[in-house]
């Protein structure tokens, strides 16, 4: 029989965020993801993904700290969305890095890509 007490106990024990953050469900995320850098957007996405993984943060956590939707953050990381300056600055602030450094890293990644699609 479900009572208020055992329901609250269950929620408290199992409500730890997204199921995707649970290693038993999603598996372990590799330290380095294989990403294409053939467009500036993909190169930028690769840089912010690397920063996030280096800090051991989930995409949803960074999205929350930045103030955007986790789906939007995922699309930025995959080079499918172009963030506003406000979002770019918030990403840099979350990672405690200058925005110019993020942009320079993305530019280098794109410039060093063998199959560029400007």
N, C-alpha and C. Protein backbone atom coordinates (compact mmCIF):
# COMPACT_ATOMS: atom_id res chain seq x y z
N UNK A 1 0.83 -1.17 0.00
CA UNK A 1 0.00 0.00 0.00
C UNK A 1 0.88 1.25 0.00
N UNK A 2 0.57 2.18 -0.89
CA UNK A 2 1.34 3.41 -0.99
C UNK A 2 0.77 4.43 -0.01
N UNK A 3 1.65 4.94 0.83
CA UNK A 3 1.26 5.98 1.77
C UNK A 3 2.08 7.23 1.46
N UNK A 4 1.70 8.32 2.04
CA UNK A 4 2.43 9.56 1.83
C UNK A 4 3.88 9.41 2.28
N UNK A 5 4.10 8.77 3.42
CA UNK A 5 5.46 8.61 3.94
C UNK A 5 6.35 7.77 3.02
N UNK A 6 5.86 6.60 2.56
CA UNK A 6 6.74 5.80 1.72
C UNK A 6 6.87 6.39 0.32
N UNK A 7 5.89 7.17 -0.14
CA UNK A 7 6.02 7.87 -1.42
C UNK A 7 7.10 8.94 -1.33
N UNK A 8 7.09 9.74 -0.25
CA UNK A 8 8.10 10.77 -0.06
C UNK A 8 9.48 10.14 0.07
N UNK A 9 9.57 9.01 0.79
CA UNK A 9 10.85 8.30 0.92
C UNK A 9 11.34 7.85 -0.46
N UNK A 10 10.45 7.31 -1.28
CA UNK A 10 10.82 6.84 -2.62
C UNK A 10 11.31 8.00 -3.48
N UNK A 11 10.56 9.11 -3.47
CA UNK A 11 10.94 10.28 -4.28
C UNK A 11 12.29 10.81 -3.81
N UNK A 12 12.48 10.94 -2.51
CA UNK A 12 13.74 11.45 -1.98
C UNK A 12 14.92 10.58 -2.35
N UNK A 13 14.69 9.29 -2.40
CA UNK A 13 15.76 8.34 -2.70
C UNK A 13 16.05 8.27 -4.20
N UNK A 14 15.05 8.49 -5.03
CA UNK A 14 15.21 8.27 -6.47
C UNK A 14 15.20 9.53 -7.33
N UNK A 15 14.85 10.66 -6.79
CA UNK A 15 14.79 11.88 -7.58
C UNK A 15 16.14 12.57 -7.55
N UNK A 16 17.08 12.12 -8.39
CA UNK A 16 18.43 12.66 -8.40
C UNK A 16 18.73 13.44 -9.67
N UNK A 17 17.72 13.83 -10.42
CA UNK A 17 17.95 14.55 -11.67
C UNK A 17 17.54 13.71 -12.85
N UNK A 18 18.15 13.96 -13.95
CA UNK A 18 17.82 13.26 -15.18
C UNK A 18 18.32 11.82 -15.15
N UNK A 19 17.54 10.92 -15.75
CA UNK A 19 17.99 9.53 -15.86
C UNK A 19 19.25 9.45 -16.70
N UNK A 20 19.42 10.40 -17.63
CA UNK A 20 20.62 10.39 -18.48
C UNK A 20 21.88 10.64 -17.68
N UNK A 21 21.76 11.26 -16.50
CA UNK A 21 22.91 11.51 -15.65
C UNK A 21 23.29 10.27 -14.83
N UNK A 22 22.42 9.27 -14.80
CA UNK A 22 22.66 8.06 -14.03
C UNK A 22 23.57 7.12 -14.84
N UNK A 23 24.80 6.82 -14.38
CA UNK A 23 25.72 5.96 -15.13
C UNK A 23 25.16 4.56 -15.38
N UNK A 24 24.25 4.11 -14.50
CA UNK A 24 23.66 2.78 -14.71
C UNK A 24 22.72 2.78 -15.91
N UNK A 25 22.15 3.92 -16.23
CA UNK A 25 21.21 4.03 -17.34
C UNK A 25 21.94 4.40 -18.64
N UNK A 26 22.73 5.46 -18.59
CA UNK A 26 23.33 6.00 -19.81
C UNK A 26 24.74 5.49 -20.07
N UNK A 27 25.35 4.82 -19.12
CA UNK A 27 26.73 4.40 -19.31
C UNK A 27 27.66 5.55 -19.01
N UNK A 28 28.94 5.27 -19.02
CA UNK A 28 29.93 6.29 -18.71
C UNK A 28 30.22 7.13 -19.95
N UNK A 29 30.29 8.43 -19.76
CA UNK A 29 30.59 9.33 -20.87
C UNK A 29 32.11 9.37 -21.04
N UNK A 30 32.59 9.19 -22.28
CA UNK A 30 34.04 9.23 -22.50
C UNK A 30 34.60 10.62 -22.22
N UNK A 31 35.87 10.68 -21.85
CA UNK A 31 36.51 11.96 -21.57
C UNK A 31 36.56 12.84 -22.82
N UNK A 32 36.79 12.21 -23.98
CA UNK A 32 36.84 12.96 -25.23
C UNK A 32 35.81 12.40 -26.19
N UNK A 33 34.96 13.28 -26.67
CA UNK A 33 33.97 12.88 -27.66
C UNK A 33 34.52 13.13 -29.05
N UNK A 34 34.16 12.28 -29.97
CA UNK A 34 34.57 12.49 -31.36
C UNK A 34 33.57 13.44 -32.00
N UNK A 35 34.03 14.59 -32.37
CA UNK A 35 33.19 15.60 -32.99
C UNK A 35 33.85 16.09 -34.27
N UNK A 36 33.02 16.51 -35.21
CA UNK A 36 33.52 17.11 -36.44
C UNK A 36 33.70 18.60 -36.20
N UNK A 37 34.69 19.18 -36.86
CA UNK A 37 34.98 20.61 -36.73
C UNK A 37 34.83 21.29 -38.09
N UNK A 38 34.07 20.69 -39.00
CA UNK A 38 34.01 21.18 -40.38
C UNK A 38 33.25 22.49 -40.56
N UNK A 39 32.53 22.93 -39.55
CA UNK A 39 31.89 24.26 -39.59
C UNK A 39 32.28 25.00 -38.32
N UNK A 40 32.25 26.34 -38.37
CA UNK A 40 32.56 27.10 -37.15
C UNK A 40 31.62 26.75 -36.00
N UNK A 41 30.35 26.48 -36.32
CA UNK A 41 29.38 26.13 -35.28
C UNK A 41 29.73 24.80 -34.61
N UNK A 42 30.12 23.82 -35.40
CA UNK A 42 30.52 22.52 -34.82
C UNK A 42 31.80 22.65 -34.01
N UNK A 43 32.72 23.47 -34.47
CA UNK A 43 33.96 23.67 -33.72
C UNK A 43 33.67 24.33 -32.38
N UNK A 44 32.78 25.33 -32.38
CA UNK A 44 32.39 25.98 -31.13
C UNK A 44 31.72 24.98 -30.20
N UNK A 45 30.82 24.17 -30.76
CA UNK A 45 30.14 23.15 -29.97
C UNK A 45 31.10 22.17 -29.34
N UNK A 46 32.12 21.79 -30.10
CA UNK A 46 33.13 20.86 -29.59
C UNK A 46 33.89 21.48 -28.42
N UNK A 47 34.20 22.76 -28.53
CA UNK A 47 34.93 23.44 -27.45
C UNK A 47 34.11 23.49 -26.17
N UNK A 48 32.83 23.87 -26.28
CA UNK A 48 32.03 23.96 -25.05
C UNK A 48 31.72 22.58 -24.48
N UNK A 49 31.65 21.57 -25.34
CA UNK A 49 31.48 20.20 -24.84
C UNK A 49 32.72 19.77 -24.08
N UNK A 50 33.90 20.04 -24.64
CA UNK A 50 35.15 19.68 -23.96
C UNK A 50 35.27 20.38 -22.60
N UNK A 51 34.89 21.65 -22.55
CA UNK A 51 34.94 22.37 -21.27
C UNK A 51 34.02 21.73 -20.25
N UNK A 52 32.83 21.37 -20.69
CA UNK A 52 31.85 20.75 -19.79
C UNK A 52 32.35 19.42 -19.27
N UNK A 53 32.89 18.58 -20.17
CA UNK A 53 33.38 17.27 -19.77
C UNK A 53 34.59 17.38 -18.84
N UNK A 54 35.44 18.36 -19.10
CA UNK A 54 36.62 18.56 -18.25
C UNK A 54 36.21 18.85 -16.81
N UNK A 55 35.10 19.54 -16.64
CA UNK A 55 34.61 19.86 -15.30
C UNK A 55 33.70 18.78 -14.74
N UNK A 56 33.41 17.76 -15.55
CA UNK A 56 32.56 16.66 -15.08
C UNK A 56 31.10 17.04 -14.93
N UNK A 57 30.64 17.99 -15.72
CA UNK A 57 29.26 18.46 -15.63
C UNK A 57 28.38 17.83 -16.70
N UNK A 58 27.11 17.68 -16.39
CA UNK A 58 26.16 17.20 -17.39
C UNK A 58 25.72 18.38 -18.24
N UNK A 59 25.22 18.09 -19.41
CA UNK A 59 24.71 19.11 -20.31
C UNK A 59 23.54 19.85 -19.65
N UNK A 60 22.69 19.11 -18.96
CA UNK A 60 21.54 19.71 -18.28
C UNK A 60 21.98 20.65 -17.17
N UNK A 61 23.03 20.31 -16.45
CA UNK A 61 23.54 21.17 -15.38
C UNK A 61 24.04 22.49 -15.94
N UNK A 62 24.82 22.42 -17.01
CA UNK A 62 25.34 23.64 -17.63
C UNK A 62 24.19 24.47 -18.18
N UNK A 63 23.24 23.82 -18.82
CA UNK A 63 22.08 24.54 -19.37
C UNK A 63 21.35 25.30 -18.26
N UNK A 64 21.15 24.64 -17.13
CA UNK A 64 20.48 25.28 -15.99
C UNK A 64 21.28 26.49 -15.52
N UNK A 65 22.60 26.33 -15.40
CA UNK A 65 23.44 27.44 -14.93
C UNK A 65 23.47 28.59 -15.93
N UNK A 66 23.41 28.26 -17.21
CA UNK A 66 23.42 29.27 -18.26
C UNK A 66 22.07 29.97 -18.36
N UNK A 67 21.01 29.23 -18.03
CA UNK A 67 19.67 29.78 -18.11
C UNK A 67 18.96 29.46 -19.41
N UNK A 68 19.30 28.30 -19.98
CA UNK A 68 18.63 27.90 -21.21
C UNK A 68 18.12 26.46 -21.08
N UNK A 69 17.38 26.04 -22.05
CA UNK A 69 16.80 24.71 -22.10
C UNK A 69 17.89 23.67 -22.39
N UNK A 70 17.87 22.49 -21.74
CA UNK A 70 18.88 21.46 -22.02
C UNK A 70 18.92 21.03 -23.49
N UNK A 71 17.78 21.03 -24.16
CA UNK A 71 17.76 20.69 -25.58
C UNK A 71 18.49 21.72 -26.42
N UNK A 72 18.32 22.98 -26.06
CA UNK A 72 19.02 24.07 -26.75
C UNK A 72 20.53 23.95 -26.54
N UNK A 73 20.94 23.62 -25.31
CA UNK A 73 22.36 23.45 -25.00
C UNK A 73 22.94 22.30 -25.83
N UNK A 74 22.20 21.21 -25.91
CA UNK A 74 22.64 20.06 -26.70
C UNK A 74 22.80 20.44 -28.17
N UNK A 75 21.85 21.20 -28.69
CA UNK A 75 21.95 21.61 -30.09
C UNK A 75 23.13 22.55 -30.32
N UNK A 76 23.46 23.40 -29.34
CA UNK A 76 24.65 24.25 -29.46
C UNK A 76 25.91 23.38 -29.47
N UNK A 77 25.95 22.39 -28.59
CA UNK A 77 27.12 21.51 -28.51
C UNK A 77 27.33 20.71 -29.80
N UNK A 78 26.26 20.49 -30.54
CA UNK A 78 26.36 19.75 -31.80
C UNK A 78 26.42 20.67 -33.02
N UNK A 79 26.53 21.98 -32.79
CA UNK A 79 26.66 22.93 -33.88
C UNK A 79 25.39 23.17 -34.67
N UNK A 80 24.24 22.90 -34.06
CA UNK A 80 22.97 23.07 -34.76
C UNK A 80 22.25 24.36 -34.40
N UNK A 81 22.73 25.07 -33.37
CA UNK A 81 22.14 26.33 -32.94
C UNK A 81 23.21 27.39 -32.80
N UNK A 82 22.84 28.62 -33.09
CA UNK A 82 23.72 29.77 -32.90
C UNK A 82 23.24 30.55 -31.69
N UNK A 83 24.01 30.52 -30.60
CA UNK A 83 23.57 31.21 -29.39
C UNK A 83 23.70 32.73 -29.50
N UNK A 84 22.92 33.42 -28.70
CA UNK A 84 23.02 34.88 -28.60
C UNK A 84 24.29 35.22 -27.82
N UNK A 85 24.66 36.50 -27.88
CA UNK A 85 25.83 36.95 -27.12
C UNK A 85 25.63 36.72 -25.63
N UNK A 86 24.41 36.96 -25.16
CA UNK A 86 24.10 36.77 -23.74
C UNK A 86 24.35 35.31 -23.32
N UNK A 87 23.95 34.36 -24.15
CA UNK A 87 24.15 32.94 -23.85
C UNK A 87 25.65 32.60 -23.93
N UNK A 88 26.33 33.14 -24.95
CA UNK A 88 27.78 32.90 -25.08
C UNK A 88 28.51 33.37 -23.82
N UNK A 89 28.17 34.57 -23.36
CA UNK A 89 28.82 35.12 -22.16
C UNK A 89 28.50 34.27 -20.93
N UNK A 90 27.27 33.79 -20.83
CA UNK A 90 26.89 32.95 -19.69
C UNK A 90 27.67 31.62 -19.71
N UNK A 91 27.86 31.06 -20.88
CA UNK A 91 28.64 29.81 -21.00
C UNK A 91 30.06 30.05 -20.53
N UNK A 92 30.66 31.16 -20.98
CA UNK A 92 32.02 31.49 -20.56
C UNK A 92 32.09 31.68 -19.05
N UNK A 93 31.11 32.35 -18.49
CA UNK A 93 31.09 32.59 -17.04
C UNK A 93 30.97 31.29 -16.25
N UNK A 94 30.12 30.37 -16.73
CA UNK A 94 29.95 29.08 -16.05
C UNK A 94 31.29 28.33 -15.99
N UNK A 95 32.04 28.41 -17.09
CA UNK A 95 33.31 27.68 -17.16
C UNK A 95 34.50 28.49 -16.66
N UNK A 96 34.21 29.73 -16.18
CA UNK A 96 35.25 30.61 -15.63
C UNK A 96 36.40 30.80 -16.62
N UNK A 97 36.02 31.16 -17.85
CA UNK A 97 36.98 31.35 -18.92
C UNK A 97 36.51 32.55 -19.75
N UNK A 98 37.44 33.27 -20.34
CA UNK A 98 37.06 34.41 -21.18
C UNK A 98 36.40 33.90 -22.45
N UNK A 99 35.39 34.62 -22.88
CA UNK A 99 34.69 34.27 -24.12
C UNK A 99 35.66 34.29 -25.30
N UNK A 100 36.60 35.21 -25.29
CA UNK A 100 37.58 35.29 -26.39
C UNK A 100 38.42 34.02 -26.49
N UNK A 101 38.69 33.39 -25.35
CA UNK A 101 39.47 32.15 -25.35
C UNK A 101 38.65 31.02 -25.98
N UNK A 102 37.37 30.95 -25.63
CA UNK A 102 36.51 29.92 -26.22
C UNK A 102 36.45 30.11 -27.73
N UNK A 103 36.26 31.35 -28.17
CA UNK A 103 36.16 31.62 -29.60
C UNK A 103 37.47 31.30 -30.32
N UNK A 104 38.60 31.64 -29.70
CA UNK A 104 39.90 31.36 -30.31
C UNK A 104 40.12 29.85 -30.45
N UNK A 105 39.73 29.09 -29.43
CA UNK A 105 39.87 27.63 -29.50
C UNK A 105 39.00 27.06 -30.62
N UNK A 106 37.78 27.58 -30.73
CA UNK A 106 36.87 27.10 -31.79
C UNK A 106 37.43 27.45 -33.16
N UNK A 107 37.97 28.65 -33.28
CA UNK A 107 38.54 29.07 -34.56
C UNK A 107 39.73 28.18 -34.95
N UNK A 108 40.59 27.87 -33.99
CA UNK A 108 41.74 26.98 -34.26
C UNK A 108 41.27 25.59 -34.68
N UNK A 109 40.28 25.06 -33.97
CA UNK A 109 39.76 23.74 -34.33
C UNK A 109 39.24 23.73 -35.76
N UNK A 110 38.49 24.77 -36.11
CA UNK A 110 37.93 24.84 -37.46
C UNK A 110 39.04 25.03 -38.51
N UNK A 111 39.98 25.90 -38.22
CA UNK A 111 41.08 26.15 -39.16
C UNK A 111 41.92 24.90 -39.40
N UNK A 112 42.06 24.07 -38.38
CA UNK A 112 42.88 22.85 -38.50
C UNK A 112 42.11 21.66 -39.06
N UNK A 113 40.83 21.86 -39.32
CA UNK A 113 40.00 20.79 -39.86
C UNK A 113 40.37 20.55 -41.33
N UNK A 114 40.48 19.30 -41.71
CA UNK A 114 40.87 18.95 -43.09
C UNK A 114 39.73 19.17 -44.08
N UNK A 115 38.50 18.96 -43.65
CA UNK A 115 37.35 19.08 -44.55
C UNK A 115 36.45 20.21 -44.07
N UNK A 116 36.83 21.43 -44.36
CA UNK A 116 36.06 22.59 -43.89
C UNK A 116 34.86 22.88 -44.79
N UNK A 117 33.78 23.32 -44.14
CA UNK A 117 32.57 23.76 -44.84
C UNK A 117 32.22 25.17 -44.40
N UNK A 118 33.05 26.12 -44.52
CA UNK A 118 32.81 27.50 -44.04
C UNK A 118 31.40 27.80 -44.02
